[in-house]
Amino acid sequence: MTRTPEGITQMQIIHYLKALGAVVGKTKTMGVKRGKVFCFDPYLFRGFPDLTFFYNKRLFFCEVKSPKGKQSEMQILFEQQCKEADIPYILARDVSDVEAAIRNSK
């Protein structure tokens, strides 16, 4: 894992969720570099959040961003689709965002 601010926050969130007993997984959505060309798998779900987890019999999606990071258009679309389907979507800049979302979910 790269030691980026987002990568560090992802690991903190994963450790927090596992300590709560949640089942959590990380999504690999990055493309691959082939020579000088960066390629995306055309079958990947674009905009899919960084983390997916189950807690208290609920499914959550969590996009992790640095304090100044911004969602892509595809990530915003995915968040809207989650809201329409009544699926919790968390835009997390630190662990406290996940804590609050879990506390406020029913």
N, C-alpha and C. Protein backbone atom coordinates (compact mmCIF):
# COMPACT_ATOMS: atom_id res chain seq x y z
N MET A 1 0.83 -1.18 0.00
CA MET A 1 0.00 0.00 0.00
C MET A 1 0.88 1.24 0.00
N THR A 2 0.47 2.21 -0.76
CA THR A 2 1.18 3.47 -0.79
C THR A 2 0.88 4.25 0.48
N ARG A 3 1.87 4.92 0.98
CA ARG A 3 1.71 5.69 2.22
C ARG A 3 1.19 7.09 1.91
N THR A 4 0.09 7.18 1.19
CA THR A 4 -0.55 8.45 0.92
C THR A 4 -1.47 8.79 2.08
N PRO A 5 -1.87 10.05 2.22
CA PRO A 5 -2.83 10.38 3.28
C PRO A 5 -4.10 9.53 3.20
N GLU A 6 -4.60 9.32 1.98
CA GLU A 6 -5.80 8.50 1.83
C GLU A 6 -5.54 7.04 2.20
N GLY A 7 -4.38 6.52 1.81
CA GLY A 7 -4.03 5.14 2.15
C GLY A 7 -3.91 4.94 3.65
N ILE A 8 -3.32 5.89 4.33
CA ILE A 8 -3.18 5.81 5.79
C ILE A 8 -4.56 5.85 6.45
N THR A 9 -5.42 6.77 5.98
CA THR A 9 -6.77 6.87 6.54
C THR A 9 -7.56 5.61 6.27
N GLN A 10 -7.42 5.03 5.08
CA GLN A 10 -8.11 3.77 4.77
C GLN A 10 -7.74 2.69 5.78
N MET A 11 -6.46 2.55 6.06
CA MET A 11 -6.03 1.52 7.00
C MET A 11 -6.54 1.80 8.41
N GLN A 12 -6.58 3.05 8.82
CA GLN A 12 -7.13 3.40 10.14
C GLN A 12 -8.60 3.02 10.21
N ILE A 13 -9.34 3.29 9.15
CA ILE A 13 -10.77 2.96 9.11
C ILE A 13 -10.96 1.44 9.12
N ILE A 14 -10.16 0.73 8.35
CA ILE A 14 -10.26 -0.74 8.32
C ILE A 14 -10.00 -1.32 9.70
N HIS A 15 -8.96 -0.85 10.38
CA HIS A 15 -8.65 -1.35 11.73
C HIS A 15 -9.77 -1.01 12.72
N TYR A 16 -10.32 0.18 12.61
CA TYR A 16 -11.44 0.58 13.48
C TYR A 16 -12.64 -0.33 13.25
N LEU A 17 -13.00 -0.56 11.98
CA LEU A 17 -14.16 -1.39 11.67
C LEU A 17 -13.96 -2.83 12.12
N LYS A 18 -12.77 -3.37 11.91
CA LYS A 18 -12.51 -4.74 12.34
C LYS A 18 -12.59 -4.85 13.86
N ALA A 19 -12.15 -3.81 14.57
CA ALA A 19 -12.24 -3.83 16.04
C ALA A 19 -13.69 -3.84 16.49
N LEU A 20 -14.59 -3.27 15.68
CA LEU A 20 -16.03 -3.30 16.00
C LEU A 20 -16.68 -4.63 15.64
N GLY A 21 -15.96 -5.45 14.89
CA GLY A 21 -16.52 -6.72 14.44
C GLY A 21 -17.13 -6.65 13.06
N ALA A 22 -16.92 -5.55 12.36
CA ALA A 22 -17.45 -5.41 11.01
C ALA A 22 -16.66 -6.28 10.04
N VAL A 23 -17.31 -6.67 8.97
CA VAL A 23 -16.65 -7.35 7.87
C VAL A 23 -16.36 -6.28 6.83
N VAL A 24 -15.09 -6.05 6.55
CA VAL A 24 -14.71 -4.93 5.69
C VAL A 24 -13.74 -5.39 4.62
N GLY A 25 -13.89 -4.83 3.43
CA GLY A 25 -12.99 -5.15 2.33
C GLY A 25 -12.64 -3.90 1.55
N LYS A 26 -11.46 -3.93 1.00
CA LYS A 26 -10.95 -2.83 0.21
C LYS A 26 -11.16 -3.12 -1.26
N THR A 27 -11.52 -2.12 -2.02
CA THR A 27 -11.77 -2.28 -3.45
C THR A 27 -10.56 -1.81 -4.24
N LYS A 28 -10.11 -2.65 -5.13
CA LYS A 28 -9.01 -2.29 -6.03
C LYS A 28 -9.63 -1.77 -7.33
N THR A 29 -9.54 -0.48 -7.54
CA THR A 29 -10.16 0.10 -8.73
C THR A 29 -9.15 0.78 -9.64
N MET A 30 -7.89 0.75 -9.26
CA MET A 30 -6.87 1.40 -10.08
C MET A 30 -6.59 0.58 -11.34
N GLY A 31 -6.24 1.28 -12.39
CA GLY A 31 -5.84 0.62 -13.62
C GLY A 31 -4.42 0.09 -13.47
N VAL A 32 -3.89 -0.39 -14.56
CA VAL A 32 -2.53 -0.92 -14.55
C VAL A 32 -1.70 -0.19 -15.60
N LYS A 33 -0.42 -0.09 -15.34
CA LYS A 33 0.47 0.55 -16.29
C LYS A 33 1.11 -0.53 -17.15
N ARG A 34 0.92 -0.38 -18.44
CA ARG A 34 1.52 -1.31 -19.41
C ARG A 34 2.49 -0.50 -20.26
N GLY A 35 3.75 -0.60 -19.90
CA GLY A 35 4.74 0.24 -20.57
C GLY A 35 4.54 1.68 -20.15
N LYS A 36 4.31 2.54 -21.12
CA LYS A 36 4.07 3.96 -20.82
C LYS A 36 2.58 4.30 -20.80
N VAL A 37 1.75 3.29 -21.02
CA VAL A 37 0.30 3.51 -21.12
C VAL A 37 -0.38 3.05 -19.83
N PHE A 38 -1.30 3.87 -19.32
CA PHE A 38 -2.09 3.52 -18.14
C PHE A 38 -3.44 3.03 -18.62
N CYS A 39 -3.81 1.80 -18.28
CA CYS A 39 -5.03 1.18 -18.79
C CYS A 39 -6.01 0.88 -17.65
N PHE A 40 -7.29 1.14 -17.91
CA PHE A 40 -8.34 0.75 -16.98
C PHE A 40 -9.02 -0.49 -17.51
N ASP A 41 -9.41 -1.38 -16.63
CA ASP A 41 -10.19 -2.54 -17.02
C ASP A 41 -11.59 -2.02 -17.39
N PRO A 42 -12.04 -2.25 -18.61
CA PRO A 42 -13.35 -1.72 -19.02
C PRO A 42 -14.53 -2.33 -18.26
N TYR A 43 -14.27 -3.41 -17.53
CA TYR A 43 -15.35 -4.08 -16.80
C TYR A 43 -15.40 -3.70 -15.33
N LEU A 44 -14.49 -2.84 -14.89
CA LEU A 44 -14.55 -2.37 -13.51
C LEU A 44 -15.72 -1.42 -13.34
N PHE A 45 -16.26 -1.38 -12.15
CA PHE A 45 -17.37 -0.49 -11.81
C PHE A 45 -16.77 0.87 -11.49
N ARG A 46 -16.80 1.79 -12.42
CA ARG A 46 -16.20 3.11 -12.22
C ARG A 46 -16.94 3.87 -11.13
N GLY A 47 -16.19 4.52 -10.25
CA GLY A 47 -16.78 5.29 -9.17
C GLY A 47 -17.05 4.48 -7.92
N PHE A 48 -16.74 3.18 -7.96
CA PHE A 48 -17.00 2.32 -6.80
C PHE A 48 -16.13 2.77 -5.62
N PRO A 49 -16.70 2.84 -4.42
CA PRO A 49 -15.96 3.34 -3.25
C PRO A 49 -14.77 2.46 -2.85
N ASP A 50 -13.90 3.06 -2.06
CA ASP A 50 -12.68 2.39 -1.60
C ASP A 50 -12.95 1.20 -0.70
N LEU A 51 -13.94 1.34 0.19
CA LEU A 51 -14.22 0.30 1.19
C LEU A 51 -15.70 -0.08 1.15
N THR A 52 -15.94 -1.36 1.36
CA THR A 52 -17.30 -1.88 1.51
C THR A 52 -17.30 -2.65 2.81
N PHE A 53 -18.35 -2.43 3.63
CA PHE A 53 -18.38 -3.18 4.88
C PHE A 53 -19.79 -3.48 5.34
N PHE A 54 -19.89 -4.56 6.12
CA PHE A 54 -21.14 -4.95 6.75
C PHE A 54 -21.00 -4.72 8.25
N TYR A 55 -21.99 -4.05 8.82
CA TYR A 55 -22.00 -3.82 10.27
C TYR A 55 -23.44 -3.76 10.73
N ASN A 56 -23.74 -4.48 11.78
CA ASN A 56 -25.12 -4.56 12.31
C ASN A 56 -26.13 -4.89 11.22
N LYS A 57 -25.80 -5.88 10.41
CA LYS A 57 -26.68 -6.38 9.35
C LYS A 57 -26.99 -5.33 8.29
N ARG A 58 -26.10 -4.34 8.13
CA ARG A 58 -26.26 -3.31 7.10
C ARG A 58 -25.02 -3.28 6.22
N LEU A 59 -25.23 -2.94 4.97
CA LEU A 59 -24.16 -2.76 4.01
C LEU A 59 -23.83 -1.27 3.94
N PHE A 60 -22.53 -0.94 3.95
CA PHE A 60 -22.08 0.44 3.85
C PHE A 60 -21.03 0.54 2.75
N PHE A 61 -21.02 1.67 2.07
CA PHE A 61 -19.96 2.00 1.14
C PHE A 61 -19.22 3.20 1.70
N CYS A 62 -17.90 3.21 1.56
CA CYS A 62 -17.09 4.29 2.14
C CYS A 62 -16.02 4.73 1.14
N GLU A 63 -16.11 5.98 0.72
CA GLU A 63 -15.09 6.58 -0.13
C GLU A 63 -14.18 7.40 0.77
N VAL A 64 -12.88 7.13 0.71
CA VAL A 64 -11.91 7.80 1.58
C VAL A 64 -11.18 8.87 0.77
N LYS A 65 -11.17 10.08 1.32
CA LYS A 65 -10.48 11.20 0.67
C LYS A 65 -9.61 11.91 1.69
N SER A 66 -8.57 12.55 1.19
CA SER A 66 -7.74 13.40 2.04
C SER A 66 -8.57 14.63 2.41
N PRO A 67 -8.12 15.43 3.38
CA PRO A 67 -8.90 16.60 3.78
C PRO A 67 -9.28 17.52 2.61
N LYS A 68 -8.46 17.60 1.59
CA LYS A 68 -8.76 18.47 0.45
C LYS A 68 -9.17 17.69 -0.80
N GLY A 69 -9.23 16.36 -0.70
CA GLY A 69 -9.55 15.53 -1.85
C GLY A 69 -10.99 15.71 -2.31
N LYS A 70 -11.20 15.55 -3.61
CA LYS A 70 -12.54 15.70 -4.19
C LYS A 70 -12.96 14.43 -4.89
N GLN A 71 -14.25 14.16 -4.84
CA GLN A 71 -14.79 13.01 -5.54
C GLN A 71 -14.79 13.26 -7.05
N SER A 72 -14.60 12.18 -7.80
CA SER A 72 -14.74 12.26 -9.25
C SER A 72 -16.24 12.31 -9.59
N GLU A 73 -16.54 12.65 -10.83
CA GLU A 73 -17.93 12.66 -11.27
C GLU A 73 -18.57 11.28 -11.09
N MET A 74 -17.82 10.23 -11.40
CA MET A 74 -18.36 8.87 -11.26
C MET A 74 -18.60 8.51 -9.79
N GLN A 75 -17.77 9.00 -8.89
CA GLN A 75 -17.96 8.75 -7.46
C GLN A 75 -19.20 9.49 -6.96
N ILE A 76 -19.42 10.69 -7.44
CA ILE A 76 -20.61 11.45 -7.06
C ILE A 76 -21.86 10.74 -7.56
N LEU A 77 -21.82 10.22 -8.77
CA LEU A 77 -22.95 9.48 -9.33
C LEU A 77 -23.23 8.23 -8.50
N PHE A 78 -22.17 7.51 -8.11
CA PHE A 78 -22.35 6.31 -7.29
C PHE A 78 -23.00 6.69 -5.95
N GLU A 79 -22.54 7.78 -5.34
CA GLU A 79 -23.13 8.23 -4.07
C GLU A 79 -24.62 8.53 -4.25
N GLN A 80 -24.98 9.19 -5.32
CA GLN A 80 -26.39 9.50 -5.57
C GLN A 80 -27.21 8.23 -5.73
N GLN A 81 -26.66 7.24 -6.42
CA GLN A 81 -27.37 5.98 -6.61
C GLN A 81 -27.57 5.27 -5.27
N CYS A 82 -26.57 5.34 -4.39
CA CYS A 82 -26.71 4.75 -3.06
C CYS A 82 -27.83 5.43 -2.28
N LYS A 83 -27.86 6.75 -2.33
CA LYS A 83 -28.90 7.50 -1.61
C LYS A 83 -30.29 7.12 -2.12
N GLU A 84 -30.42 7.00 -3.44
CA GLU A 84 -31.70 6.62 -4.02
C GLU A 84 -32.12 5.22 -3.59
N ALA A 85 -31.15 4.34 -3.36
CA ALA A 85 -31.43 2.96 -2.95
C ALA A 85 -31.43 2.80 -1.43
N ASP A 86 -31.28 3.89 -0.70
CA ASP A 86 -31.24 3.88 0.76
C ASP A 86 -30.10 3.00 1.30
N ILE A 87 -28.95 3.10 0.65
CA ILE A 87 -27.75 2.39 1.09
C ILE A 87 -26.79 3.42 1.65
N PRO A 88 -26.31 3.24 2.87
CA PRO A 88 -25.41 4.23 3.46
C PRO A 88 -24.11 4.38 2.65
N TYR A 89 -23.79 5.62 2.35
CA TYR A 89 -22.56 5.97 1.64
C TYR A 89 -21.84 7.00 2.50
N ILE A 90 -20.58 6.75 2.79
CA ILE A 90 -19.81 7.63 3.66
C ILE A 90 -18.66 8.23 2.86
N LEU A 91 -18.59 9.55 2.87
CA LEU A 91 -17.41 10.23 2.36
C LEU A 91 -16.56 10.52 3.58
N ALA A 92 -15.51 9.74 3.76
CA ALA A 92 -14.72 9.79 4.99
C ALA A 92 -13.39 10.49 4.76
N ARG A 93 -13.14 11.46 5.60
CA ARG A 93 -11.85 12.14 5.58
C ARG A 93 -11.00 11.71 6.78
N ASP A 94 -11.67 11.06 7.74
CA ASP A 94 -10.98 10.45 8.88
C ASP A 94 -11.94 9.47 9.54
N VAL A 95 -11.45 8.76 10.55
CA VAL A 95 -12.24 7.72 11.22
C VAL A 95 -13.52 8.29 11.82
N SER A 96 -13.49 9.52 12.29
CA SER A 96 -14.67 10.10 12.94
C SER A 96 -15.86 10.18 12.00
N ASP A 97 -15.62 10.32 10.69
CA ASP A 97 -16.73 10.34 9.73
C ASP A 97 -17.44 8.98 9.68
N VAL A 98 -16.67 7.91 9.79
CA VAL A 98 -17.24 6.56 9.80
C VAL A 98 -17.98 6.33 11.12
N GLU A 99 -17.37 6.74 12.22
CA GLU A 99 -18.02 6.61 13.54
C GLU A 99 -19.38 7.29 13.53
N ALA A 100 -19.44 8.50 13.01
CA ALA A 100 -20.69 9.26 12.98
C ALA A 100 -21.73 8.59 12.09
N ALA A 101 -21.31 8.09 10.95
CA ALA A 101 -22.24 7.44 10.04
C ALA A 101 -22.83 6.17 10.64
N ILE A 102 -22.01 5.40 11.31
CA ILE A 102 -22.51 4.19 11.97
C ILE A 102 -23.48 4.56 13.10
N ARG A 103 -23.13 5.55 13.86
CA ARG A 103 -23.98 6.00 14.97
C ARG A 103 -25.34 6.48 14.47
N ASN A 104 -25.35 7.14 13.31
CA ASN A 104 -26.59 7.74 12.78
C ASN A 104 -27.39 6.79 11.88
N SER A 105 -26.86 5.60 11.60
CA SER A 105 -27.59 4.67 10.73
C SER A 105 -28.59 3.87 11.57
N LYS A 106 -29.64 3.50 10.94
CA LYS A 106 -30.67 2.70 11.65
C LYS A 106 -31.05 1.52 10.79
